[in-house]
Amino acid sequence: MTDINLLELAFPDQISRIRIMRKNHRGFEALCGDFELLSAELERARKVNEQTSPCLIDPVTESLDGLAEEIAEHLSRFTNSEIVPKAISEVVPIFTQARTKD
């Protein structure tokens, strides 16, 4: 499986900061873990239906959007500047395409 991480696609400029915060902030680690679980669910839903049926994918991407916003809030507080994630709808096709190549 390609080593591509949806969280890193959503926050490409924050990768090192995310890694640091995950090590040092238990709540942030849990939030990122939830994001990764939903990313895996997105992958499973895609495999169930290669047509990427909206009825399977949409609730997952909506939940990922919500978690991305929460992660952005934590990062913003940590950096004292506004962090805006890339839209999940923008990065999911990149994530899915990379996974399809495997």
C-alpha atoms as a PDB file:
ATOM      1  CA  MET A   1       0.000   0.000   0.000  1.00  0.00           C
ATOM      2  CA  THR A   2       1.311   3.473  -0.871  1.00  0.00           C
ATOM      3  CA  ASP A   3       2.573   5.401   2.109  1.00  0.00           C
ATOM      4  CA  ILE A   4       0.338   8.431   1.598  1.00  0.00           C
ATOM      5  CA  ASN A   5      -1.385   9.994   4.547  1.00  0.00           C
ATOM      6  CA  LEU A   6      -4.644  11.905   4.166  1.00  0.00           C
ATOM      7  CA  LEU A   7      -3.870  13.981   7.243  1.00  0.00           C
ATOM      8  CA  GLU A   8      -0.604  15.130   5.680  1.00  0.00           C
ATOM      9  CA  LEU A   9      -2.394  15.924   2.413  1.00  0.00           C
ATOM     10  CA  ALA A  10      -4.871  18.102   4.311  1.00  0.00           C
ATOM     11  CA  PHE A  11      -2.094  19.896   6.225  1.00  0.00           C
ATOM     12  CA  PRO A  12       0.949  19.787   3.921  1.00  0.00           C
ATOM     13  CA  ASP A  13       2.678  22.730   5.622  1.00  0.00           C
ATOM     14  CA  GLN A  14       2.100  21.383   9.124  1.00  0.00           C
ATOM     15  CA  ILE A  15       3.497  17.843   8.910  1.00  0.00           C
ATOM     16  CA  SER A  16       6.402  18.305  11.327  1.00  0.00           C
ATOM     17  CA  ARG A  17       4.266  20.326  13.747  1.00  0.00           C
ATOM     18  CA  ILE A  18       1.585  17.608  13.704  1.00  0.00           C
ATOM     19  CA  ARG A  19       4.193  14.955  14.501  1.00  0.00           C
ATOM     20  CA  ILE A  20       5.505  16.989  17.425  1.00  0.00           C
ATOM     21  CA  MET A  21       2.049  17.722  18.794  1.00  0.00           C
ATOM     22  CA  ARG A  22       1.008  14.081  18.488  1.00  0.00           C
ATOM     23  CA  LYS A  23       3.952  13.084  20.670  1.00  0.00           C
ATOM     24  CA  ASN A  24       3.325  15.773  23.276  1.00  0.00           C
ATOM     25  CA  HIS A  25      -0.450  16.213  23.455  1.00  0.00           C
ATOM     26  CA  ARG A  26      -2.545  13.153  24.181  1.00  0.00           C
ATOM     27  CA  GLY A  27      -5.830  14.785  23.143  1.00  0.00           C
ATOM     28  CA  PHE A  28      -4.345  15.901  19.843  1.00  0.00           C
ATOM     29  CA  GLU A  29      -3.003  12.399  19.252  1.00  0.00           C
ATOM     30  CA  ALA A  30      -6.489  10.978  19.816  1.00  0.00           C
ATOM     31  CA  LEU A  31      -7.989  13.491  17.386  1.00  0.00           C
ATOM     32  CA  CYS A  32      -5.429  12.590  14.714  1.00  0.00           C
ATOM     33  CA  GLY A  33      -6.002   8.894  15.425  1.00  0.00           C
ATOM     34  CA  ASP A  34      -9.728   9.368  14.804  1.00  0.00           C
ATOM     35  CA  PHE A  35      -8.891  11.120  11.535  1.00  0.00           C
ATOM     36  CA  GLU A  36      -6.720   8.172  10.490  1.00  0.00           C
ATOM     37  CA  LEU A  37      -9.454   5.685  11.404  1.00  0.00           C
ATOM     38  CA  LEU A  38     -11.894   7.555   9.186  1.00  0.00           C
ATOM     39  CA  SER A  39      -9.271   7.663   6.427  1.00  0.00           C
ATOM     40  CA  ALA A  40      -9.085   3.878   6.630  1.00  0.00           C
ATOM     41  CA  GLU A  41     -12.890   3.727   6.519  1.00  0.00           C
ATOM     42  CA  LEU A  42     -12.824   5.875   3.391  1.00  0.00           C
ATOM     43  CA  GLU A  43     -10.394   3.400   1.832  1.00  0.00           C
ATOM     44  CA  ARG A  44     -12.647   0.455   2.760  1.00  0.00           C
ATOM     45  CA  ALA A  45     -15.696   2.211   1.321  1.00  0.00           C
ATOM     46  CA  ARG A  46     -13.827   2.890  -1.905  1.00  0.00           C
ATOM     47  CA  LYS A  47     -12.835  -0.767  -2.200  1.00  0.00           C
ATOM     48  CA  VAL A  48     -16.419  -1.911  -1.607  1.00  0.00           C
ATOM     49  CA  ASN A  49     -17.570   0.091  -4.567  1.00  0.00           C
ATOM     50  CA  GLU A  50     -14.942   1.045  -7.139  1.00  0.00           C
ATOM     51  CA  GLN A  51     -17.427   3.609  -8.447  1.00  0.00           C
ATOM     52  CA  THR A  52     -16.980   5.386  -5.055  1.00  0.00           C
ATOM     53  CA  SER A  53     -20.664   5.446  -4.291  1.00  0.00           C
ATOM     54  CA  PRO A  54     -21.634   8.756  -2.664  1.00  0.00           C
ATOM     55  CA  CYS A  55     -23.906   6.946  -0.223  1.00  0.00           C
ATOM     56  CA  LEU A  56     -20.827   5.273   1.298  1.00  0.00           C
ATOM     57  CA  ILE A  57     -18.270   8.025   0.925  1.00  0.00           C
ATOM     58  CA  ASP A  58     -20.160  11.243   1.750  1.00  0.00           C
ATOM     59  CA  PRO A  59     -20.736  10.632   5.485  1.00  0.00           C
ATOM     60  CA  VAL A  60     -17.083   9.690   5.910  1.00  0.00           C
ATOM     61  CA  THR A  61     -15.793  12.776   4.084  1.00  0.00           C
ATOM     62  CA  GLU A  62     -18.164  14.992   6.081  1.00  0.00           C
ATOM     63  CA  SER A  63     -16.785  13.537   9.306  1.00  0.00           C
ATOM     64  CA  LEU A  64     -13.227  13.990   8.022  1.00  0.00           C
ATOM     65  CA  ASP A  65     -14.017  17.643   7.279  1.00  0.00           C
ATOM     66  CA  GLY A  66     -15.168  18.124  10.863  1.00  0.00           C
ATOM     67  CA  LEU A  67     -12.079  16.476  12.302  1.00  0.00           C
ATOM     68  CA  ALA A  68      -9.831  18.513   9.995  1.00  0.00           C
ATOM     69  CA  GLU A  69     -11.426  21.681  11.365  1.00  0.00           C
ATOM     70  CA  GLU A  70     -10.811  20.519  14.947  1.00  0.00           C
ATOM     71  CA  ILE A  71      -7.197  19.676  14.130  1.00  0.00           C
ATOM     72  CA  ALA A  72      -6.802  23.110  12.515  1.00  0.00           C
ATOM     73  CA  GLU A  73      -8.134  24.759  15.680  1.00  0.00           C
ATOM     74  CA  HIS A  74      -5.566  22.916  17.804  1.00  0.00           C
ATOM     75  CA  LEU A  75      -2.758  23.799  15.403  1.00  0.00           C
ATOM     76  CA  SER A  76      -3.887  27.421  15.308  1.00  0.00           C
ATOM     77  CA  ARG A  77      -3.780  27.658  19.096  1.00  0.00           C
ATOM     78  CA  PHE A  78      -0.342  26.044  19.159  1.00  0.00           C
ATOM     79  CA  THR A  79       1.093  28.367  16.501  1.00  0.00           C
ATOM     80  CA  ASN A  80      -0.826  31.511  17.433  1.00  0.00           C
ATOM     81  CA  SER A  81      -1.793  31.861  13.773  1.00  0.00           C
ATOM     82  CA  GLU A  82      -4.710  30.685  11.686  1.00  0.00           C
ATOM     83  CA  ILE A  83      -4.183  27.259  10.145  1.00  0.00           C
ATOM     84  CA  VAL A  84      -6.576  26.322   7.365  1.00  0.00           C
ATOM     85  CA  PRO A  85      -6.660  22.737   6.101  1.00  0.00           C
ATOM     86  CA  LYS A  86      -7.055  21.909   2.460  1.00  0.00           C
ATOM     87  CA  ALA A  87     -10.614  20.855   1.740  1.00  0.00           C
ATOM     88  CA  ILE A  88     -11.107  17.129   2.212  1.00  0.00           C
ATOM     89  CA  SER A  89     -12.987  17.051  -1.095  1.00  0.00           C
ATOM     90  CA  GLU A  90      -9.801  18.399  -2.702  1.00  0.00           C
ATOM     91  CA  VAL A  91      -7.385  15.879  -1.182  1.00  0.00           C
ATOM     92  CA  VAL A  92      -9.527  12.719  -1.229  1.00  0.00           C
ATOM     93  CA  PRO A  93      -9.081  12.227  -5.004  1.00  0.00           C
ATOM     94  CA  ILE A  94      -5.280  12.436  -4.568  1.00  0.00           C
ATOM     95  CA  PHE A  95      -5.438   9.977  -1.671  1.00  0.00           C
ATOM     96  CA  THR A  96      -7.740   7.612  -3.577  1.00  0.00           C
ATOM     97  CA  GLN A  97      -5.701   7.764  -6.773  1.00  0.00           C
ATOM     98  CA  ALA A  98      -2.497   6.940  -4.894  1.00  0.00           C
ATOM     99  CA  ARG A  99      -4.192   3.985  -3.219  1.00  0.00           C
ATOM    100  CA  THR A 100      -5.576   2.739  -6.553  1.00  0.00           C
ATOM    101  CA  LYS A 101      -2.059   2.408  -7.974  1.00  0.00           C
ATOM    102  CA  ASP A 102      -1.237  -0.324  -5.421  1.00  0.00           C
END
